[in-house]
Amino acid sequence: MIERWHRSMKTAIRCHESKNWLEALPVVLLGLRSSYKEDIKSTAAEMVYGTTLRLPAEYFYDEQTQPNPYIFVERFREQMRNVRPVETAHHTKRRAFTHGTLQNCTHVFVRVDRVRRPLEAPYEGPFLVMERLTDRLYKIQIHGEAVNISIERLKPAHIETHATTGSQPTEVTEVKTTTRTLNKKVKFVTQH
């Protein structure tokens, strides 16, 4: 009951136009304590005090004031004239992030969209870009097979190319390695 009461209290405070929620709090609390709960067949005040609370409208009831339907209709018409459509948000127009170098790279990584095994990399590759079919669809060579993949799953692969010419000799150096065995005794201390 408490969680539902807190949710109702927060909703009622939000319904007031006042930015200062402390101003609306007394009226909200009075309304919540005197509202009838269908499931318990009573109000919160009846459960606490044993009787209903006297609401401010019950103190001052004036029978001479009759509501004027003409004033209500005029206010309603004015309110309806001020109603304007609100532009809705287009969630489908959001474009996916694309890397800047994706347009001119030769190789790409492909994101794995299935449930991955433990310690499996999120991307596979690198794979060769065979053709850019559209600005959103690339033809990639994966294991010798041409596959069309959306750019939302692609990440550019920056492959380092080694340009070695036959006219320049490459220098090979030998590295000497030495090995040595350690003869240390290890003692384990046991406590009883």
C-alpha atoms as a PDB file:
ATOM      1  CA  MET A   1       0.000   0.000   0.000  1.00  0.00           C
ATOM      2  CA  ILE A   2       2.880   2.365   0.784  1.00  0.00           C
ATOM      3  CA  GLU A   3       4.512   2.002  -2.665  1.00  0.00           C
ATOM      4  CA  ARG A   4       1.195   2.679  -4.384  1.00  0.00           C
ATOM      5  CA  TRP A   5       0.622   5.673  -2.104  1.00  0.00           C
ATOM      6  CA  HIS A   6       4.049   7.147  -2.920  1.00  0.00           C
ATOM      7  CA  ARG A   7       3.423   6.692  -6.654  1.00  0.00           C
ATOM      8  CA  SER A   8       0.031   8.424  -6.306  1.00  0.00           C
ATOM      9  CA  MET A   9       1.582  11.254  -4.286  1.00  0.00           C
ATOM     10  CA  LYS A  10       4.312  11.913  -6.853  1.00  0.00           C
ATOM     11  CA  THR A  11       1.773  11.846  -9.685  1.00  0.00           C
ATOM     12  CA  ALA A  12      -0.533  14.274  -7.875  1.00  0.00           C
ATOM     13  CA  ILE A  13       2.337  16.689  -7.160  1.00  0.00           C
ATOM     14  CA  ARG A  14       3.337  16.636 -10.832  1.00  0.00           C
ATOM     15  CA  CYS A  15      -0.239  17.524 -11.841  1.00  0.00           C
ATOM     16  CA  HIS A  16      -0.032  20.897 -10.088  1.00  0.00           C
ATOM     17  CA  GLU A  17       1.214  23.846 -12.114  1.00  0.00           C
ATOM     18  CA  SER A  18       3.360  25.168  -9.290  1.00  0.00           C
ATOM     19  CA  LYS A  19       7.113  24.730  -9.666  1.00  0.00           C
ATOM     20  CA  ASN A  20       7.455  24.644  -5.883  1.00  0.00           C
ATOM     21  CA  TRP A  21       6.126  21.256  -4.836  1.00  0.00           C
ATOM     22  CA  LEU A  22       5.946  22.312  -1.179  1.00  0.00           C
ATOM     23  CA  GLU A  23       3.044  24.650  -2.002  1.00  0.00           C
ATOM     24  CA  ALA A  24       1.004  21.785  -3.460  1.00  0.00           C
ATOM     25  CA  LEU A  25       1.895  19.244  -0.763  1.00  0.00           C
ATOM     26  CA  PRO A  26      -0.860  20.041   1.822  1.00  0.00           C
ATOM     27  CA  VAL A  27      -3.643  19.847  -0.763  1.00  0.00           C
ATOM     28  CA  VAL A  28      -2.170  16.686  -2.278  1.00  0.00           C
ATOM     29  CA  LEU A  29      -1.891  14.974   1.113  1.00  0.00           C
ATOM     30  CA  LEU A  30      -5.434  15.954   2.061  1.00  0.00           C
ATOM     31  CA  GLY A  31      -6.716  14.614  -1.249  1.00  0.00           C
ATOM     32  CA  LEU A  32      -4.839  11.334  -0.912  1.00  0.00           C
ATOM     33  CA  ARG A  33      -6.002  10.786   2.670  1.00  0.00           C
ATOM     34  CA  SER A  34      -9.624  11.433   1.749  1.00  0.00           C
ATOM     35  CA  SER A  35      -9.751   9.525  -1.558  1.00  0.00           C
ATOM     36  CA  TYR A  36     -11.827   6.353  -1.513  1.00  0.00           C
ATOM     37  CA  LYS A  37      -9.902   3.115  -2.133  1.00  0.00           C
ATOM     38  CA  GLU A  38     -12.058   0.534  -3.879  1.00  0.00           C
ATOM     39  CA  ASP A  39      -9.988  -2.474  -2.817  1.00  0.00           C
ATOM     40  CA  ILE A  40     -10.105  -1.709   0.933  1.00  0.00           C
ATOM     41  CA  LYS A  41     -13.593  -0.104   0.777  1.00  0.00           C
ATOM     42  CA  SER A  42     -12.525   2.952   2.793  1.00  0.00           C
ATOM     43  CA  THR A  43     -10.260   5.984   2.785  1.00  0.00           C
ATOM     44  CA  ALA A  44      -6.825   6.192   4.396  1.00  0.00           C
ATOM     45  CA  ALA A  45      -8.209   8.687   6.933  1.00  0.00           C
ATOM     46  CA  GLU A  46     -10.965   6.256   7.947  1.00  0.00           C
ATOM     47  CA  MET A  47      -8.357   3.581   8.594  1.00  0.00           C
ATOM     48  CA  VAL A  48      -6.253   5.944  10.752  1.00  0.00           C
ATOM     49  CA  TYR A  49      -8.859   8.131  12.490  1.00  0.00           C
ATOM     50  CA  GLY A  50     -11.953   5.919  12.286  1.00  0.00           C
ATOM     51  CA  THR A  51     -13.961   8.610  10.486  1.00  0.00           C
ATOM     52  CA  THR A  52     -13.825  10.628   7.282  1.00  0.00           C
ATOM     53  CA  LEU A  53     -12.083  14.001   7.140  1.00  0.00           C
ATOM     54  CA  ARG A  54     -14.089  17.184   6.699  1.00  0.00           C
ATOM     55  CA  LEU A  55     -12.939  18.705   3.419  1.00  0.00           C
ATOM     56  CA  PRO A  56     -12.690  22.496   2.887  1.00  0.00           C
ATOM     57  CA  ALA A  57     -15.642  22.497   0.476  1.00  0.00           C
ATOM     58  CA  GLU A  58     -17.850  21.077   3.216  1.00  0.00           C
ATOM     59  CA  TYR A  59     -17.095  24.084   5.472  1.00  0.00           C
ATOM     60  CA  PHE A  60     -18.311  26.710   3.013  1.00  0.00           C
ATOM     61  CA  TYR A  61     -21.074  25.566   0.736  1.00  0.00           C
ATOM     62  CA  ASP A  62     -22.891  28.349  -1.115  1.00  0.00           C
ATOM     63  CA  GLU A  63     -26.140  27.289  -2.753  1.00  0.00           C
ATOM     64  CA  GLN A  64     -26.808  30.664  -4.446  1.00  0.00           C
ATOM     65  CA  THR A  65     -24.034  30.370  -7.048  1.00  0.00           C
ATOM     66  CA  GLN A  66     -25.314  28.620 -10.136  1.00  0.00           C
ATOM     67  CA  PRO A  67     -22.799  27.642 -12.800  1.00  0.00           C
ATOM     68  CA  ASN A  68     -23.293  29.632 -15.985  1.00  0.00           C
ATOM     69  CA  PRO A  69     -23.144  27.295 -19.004  1.00  0.00           C
ATOM     70  CA  TYR A  70     -22.490  30.232 -21.355  1.00  0.00           C
ATOM     71  CA  ILE A  71     -19.224  31.113 -19.552  1.00  0.00           C
ATOM     72  CA  PHE A  72     -18.162  27.475 -19.595  1.00  0.00           C
ATOM     73  CA  VAL A  73     -18.842  27.160 -23.334  1.00  0.00           C
ATOM     74  CA  GLU A  74     -16.943  30.385 -24.099  1.00  0.00           C
ATOM     75  CA  ARG A  75     -13.911  29.251 -22.079  1.00  0.00           C
ATOM     76  CA  PHE A  76     -14.039  25.839 -23.723  1.00  0.00           C
ATOM     77  CA  ARG A  77     -14.162  27.381 -27.225  1.00  0.00           C
ATOM     78  CA  GLU A  78     -11.218  29.647 -26.393  1.00  0.00           C
ATOM     79  CA  GLN A  79      -9.251  26.686 -25.098  1.00  0.00           C
ATOM     80  CA  MET A  80      -9.986  24.660 -28.244  1.00  0.00           C
ATOM     81  CA  ARG A  81      -8.866  27.577 -30.465  1.00  0.00           C
ATOM     82  CA  ASN A  82      -5.481  27.506 -28.750  1.00  0.00           C
ATOM     83  CA  VAL A  83      -4.941  23.800 -29.360  1.00  0.00           C
ATOM     84  CA  ARG A  84      -2.127  23.263 -31.869  1.00  0.00           C
ATOM     85  CA  PRO A  85      -0.661  20.034 -33.212  1.00  0.00           C
ATOM     86  CA  VAL A  86       2.676  19.019 -31.779  1.00  0.00           C
ATOM     87  CA  GLU A  87       5.361  17.735 -34.110  1.00  0.00           C
ATOM     88  CA  THR A  88       6.175  14.145 -33.342  1.00  0.00           C
ATOM     89  CA  ALA A  89       9.668  12.720 -33.116  1.00  0.00           C
ATOM     90  CA  HIS A  90      10.814  10.447 -35.929  1.00  0.00           C
ATOM     91  CA  HIS A  91      12.811   7.723 -34.237  1.00  0.00           C
ATOM     92  CA  THR A  92      13.418   5.848 -37.481  1.00  0.00           C
ATOM     93  CA  LYS A  93      15.303   8.744 -39.084  1.00  0.00           C
ATOM     94  CA  ARG A  94      18.225   8.421 -36.690  1.00  0.00           C
ATOM     95  CA  ARG A  95      21.296   7.474 -38.668  1.00  0.00           C
ATOM     96  CA  ALA A  96      23.800   4.956 -37.396  1.00  0.00           C
ATOM     97  CA  PHE A  97      27.327   6.033 -36.592  1.00  0.00           C
ATOM     98  CA  THR A  98      29.744   5.442 -39.468  1.00  0.00           C
ATOM     99  CA  HIS A  99      33.495   5.790 -39.312  1.00  0.00           C
ATOM    100  CA  GLY A 100      34.958   8.566 -41.428  1.00  0.00           C
ATOM    101  CA  THR A 101      37.523   6.279 -43.080  1.00  0.00           C
ATOM    102  CA  LEU A 102      34.942   3.645 -44.032  1.00  0.00           C
ATOM    103  CA  GLN A 103      34.352   5.294 -47.427  1.00  0.00           C
ATOM    104  CA  ASN A 104      37.911   4.733 -48.666  1.00  0.00           C
ATOM    105  CA  CYS A 105      39.259   1.729 -46.729  1.00  0.00           C
ATOM    106  CA  THR A 106      40.240  -1.518 -48.459  1.00  0.00           C
ATOM    107  CA  HIS A 107      39.507  -3.910 -45.592  1.00  0.00           C
ATOM    108  CA  VAL A 108      36.835  -3.960 -42.881  1.00  0.00           C
ATOM    109  CA  PHE A 109      35.939  -5.791 -39.702  1.00  0.00           C
ATOM    110  CA  VAL A 110      32.411  -7.244 -39.480  1.00  0.00           C
ATOM    111  CA  ARG A 111      30.495  -7.086 -36.178  1.00  0.00           C
ATOM    112  CA  VAL A 112      29.247 -10.419 -34.837  1.00  0.00           C
ATOM    113  CA  ASP A 113      25.478 -10.007 -34.311  1.00  0.00           C
ATOM    114  CA  ARG A 114      24.787 -13.359 -32.706  1.00  0.00           C
ATOM    115  CA  VAL A 115      25.244 -14.272 -29.073  1.00  0.00           C
ATOM    116  CA  ARG A 116      28.990 -14.632 -28.710  1.00  0.00           C
ATOM    117  CA  ARG A 117      30.843 -17.339 -26.839  1.00  0.00           C
ATOM    118  CA  PRO A 118      32.846 -16.299 -23.790  1.00  0.00           C
ATOM    119  CA  LEU A 119      36.003 -14.370 -24.724  1.00  0.00           C
ATOM    120  CA  GLU A 120      34.984 -14.230 -28.402  1.00  0.00           C
ATOM    121  CA  ALA A 121      35.906 -10.988 -30.182  1.00  0.00           C
ATOM    122  CA  PRO A 122      33.017  -8.662 -31.090  1.00  0.00           C
ATOM    123  CA  TYR A 123      34.338  -8.278 -34.661  1.00  0.00           C
ATOM    124  CA  GLU A 124      35.551 -10.779 -37.273  1.00  0.00           C
ATOM    125  CA  GLY A 125      38.027 -10.020 -39.996  1.00  0.00           C
ATOM    126  CA  PRO A 126      39.647  -8.152 -41.584  1.00  0.00           C
ATOM    127  CA  PHE A 127      37.843  -8.837 -44.875  1.00  0.00           C
ATOM    128  CA  LEU A 128      38.367  -7.314 -48.315  1.00  0.00           C
ATOM    129  CA  VAL A 129      35.889  -4.708 -49.574  1.00  0.00           C
ATOM    130  CA  MET A 130      34.975  -5.869 -53.076  1.00  0.00           C
ATOM    131  CA  GLU A 131      32.458  -3.167 -54.008  1.00  0.00           C
ATOM    132  CA  ARG A 132      30.459  -0.328 -52.474  1.00  0.00           C
ATOM    133  CA  LEU A 133      26.946  -1.042 -53.774  1.00  0.00           C
ATOM    134  CA  THR A 134      25.275   1.988 -52.156  1.00  0.00           C
ATOM    135  CA  ASP A 135      26.266   4.414 -49.451  1.00  0.00           C
ATOM    136  CA  ARG A 136      24.733   1.986 -46.916  1.00  0.00           C
ATOM    137  CA  LEU A 137      25.556  -1.435 -48.429  1.00  0.00           C
ATOM    138  CA  TYR A 138      28.967  -2.975 -49.157  1.00  0.00           C
ATOM    139  CA  LYS A 139      29.948  -6.217 -50.860  1.00  0.00           C
ATOM    140  CA  ILE A 140      32.565  -7.947 -48.685  1.00  0.00           C
ATOM    141  CA  GLN A 141      34.634 -11.043 -49.428  1.00  0.00           C
ATOM    142  CA  ILE A 142      34.281 -13.362 -46.434  1.00  0.00           C
ATOM    143  CA  HIS A 143      36.175 -16.665 -46.645  1.00  0.00           C
ATOM    144  CA  GLY A 144      36.156 -16.545 -50.457  1.00  0.00           C
ATOM    145  CA  GLU A 145      32.433 -15.749 -50.695  1.00  0.00           C
ATOM    146  CA  ALA A 146      30.857 -12.374 -51.625  1.00  0.00           C
ATOM    147  CA  VAL A 147      28.412 -11.157 -48.966  1.00  0.00           C
ATOM    148  CA  ASN A 148      26.367  -7.919 -48.915  1.00  0.00           C
ATOM    149  CA  ILE A 149      26.564  -6.249 -45.494  1.00  0.00           C
ATOM    150  CA  SER A 150      25.113  -2.992 -44.136  1.00  0.00           C
ATOM    151  CA  ILE A 151      27.616  -0.379 -42.980  1.00  0.00           C
ATOM    152  CA  GLU A 152      26.069  -0.477 -39.501  1.00  0.00           C
ATOM    153  CA  ARG A 153      27.965  -3.748 -38.929  1.00  0.00           C
ATOM    154  CA  LEU A 154      31.271  -2.583 -40.460  1.00  0.00           C
ATOM    155  CA  LYS A 155      34.349  -1.032 -38.931  1.00  0.00           C
ATOM    156  CA  PRO A 156      37.351   0.031 -41.025  1.00  0.00           C
ATOM    157  CA  ALA A 157      40.501  -2.074 -40.750  1.00  0.00           C
ATOM    158  CA  HIS A 158      43.728  -0.135 -41.051  1.00  0.00           C
ATOM    159  CA  ILE A 159      46.180  -2.664 -42.465  1.00  0.00           C
ATOM    160  CA  GLU A 160      49.848  -1.825 -42.491  1.00  0.00           C
ATOM    161  CA  THR A 161      51.481  -2.538 -45.841  1.00  0.00           C
ATOM    162  CA  HIS A 162      55.201  -3.313 -45.983  1.00  0.00           C
ATOM    163  CA  ALA A 163      56.741  -2.094 -49.216  1.00  0.00           C
ATOM    164  CA  THR A 164      60.059  -3.886 -49.657  1.00  0.00           C
ATOM    165  CA  THR A 165      61.963  -3.673 -52.904  1.00  0.00           C
ATOM    166  CA  GLY A 166      64.354  -6.309 -54.215  1.00  0.00           C
ATOM    167  CA  SER A 167      67.190  -3.813 -54.811  1.00  0.00           C
ATOM    168  CA  GLN A 168      67.645  -2.958 -51.135  1.00  0.00           C
ATOM    169  CA  PRO A 169      69.018  -5.748 -48.947  1.00  0.00           C
ATOM    170  CA  THR A 170      67.377  -6.312 -45.620  1.00  0.00           C
ATOM    171  CA  GLU A 171      69.556  -6.484 -42.565  1.00  0.00           C
ATOM    172  CA  VAL A 172      69.338  -9.594 -40.415  1.00  0.00           C
ATOM    173  CA  THR A 173      70.771  -9.545 -36.924  1.00  0.00           C
ATOM    174  CA  GLU A 174      71.272 -12.526 -34.683  1.00  0.00           C
ATOM    175  CA  VAL A 175      70.133 -12.443 -31.125  1.00  0.00           C
ATOM    176  CA  LYS A 176      72.139 -14.421 -28.597  1.00  0.00           C
ATOM    177  CA  THR A 177      70.119 -16.090 -25.900  1.00  0.00           C
ATOM    178  CA  THR A 178      71.463 -17.611 -22.735  1.00  0.00           C
ATOM    179  CA  THR A 179      69.694 -19.916 -20.365  1.00  0.00           C
ATOM    180  CA  ARG A 180      70.439 -20.633 -16.762  1.00  0.00           C
ATOM    181  CA  THR A 181      68.803 -22.847 -14.190  1.00  0.00           C
ATOM    182  CA  LEU A 182      68.047 -21.675 -10.695  1.00  0.00           C
ATOM    183  CA  ASN A 183      68.680 -24.084  -7.854  1.00  0.00           C
ATOM    184  CA  LYS A 184      66.602 -22.575  -5.098  1.00  0.00           C
ATOM    185  CA  LYS A 185      64.831 -24.602  -2.476  1.00  0.00           C
ATOM    186  CA  VAL A 186      61.278 -23.666  -1.678  1.00  0.00           C
ATOM    187  CA  LYS A 187      59.942 -24.311   1.821  1.00  0.00           C
ATOM    188  CA  PHE A 188      56.254 -24.320   2.651  1.00  0.00           C
ATOM    189  CA  VAL A 189      55.367 -23.382   6.196  1.00  0.00           C
ATOM    190  CA  THR A 190      52.449 -25.244   7.669  1.00  0.00           C
ATOM    191  CA  GLN A 191      50.685 -24.081  10.779  1.00  0.00           C
ATOM    192  CA  HIS A 192      48.765 -26.419  13.047  1.00  0.00           C
END
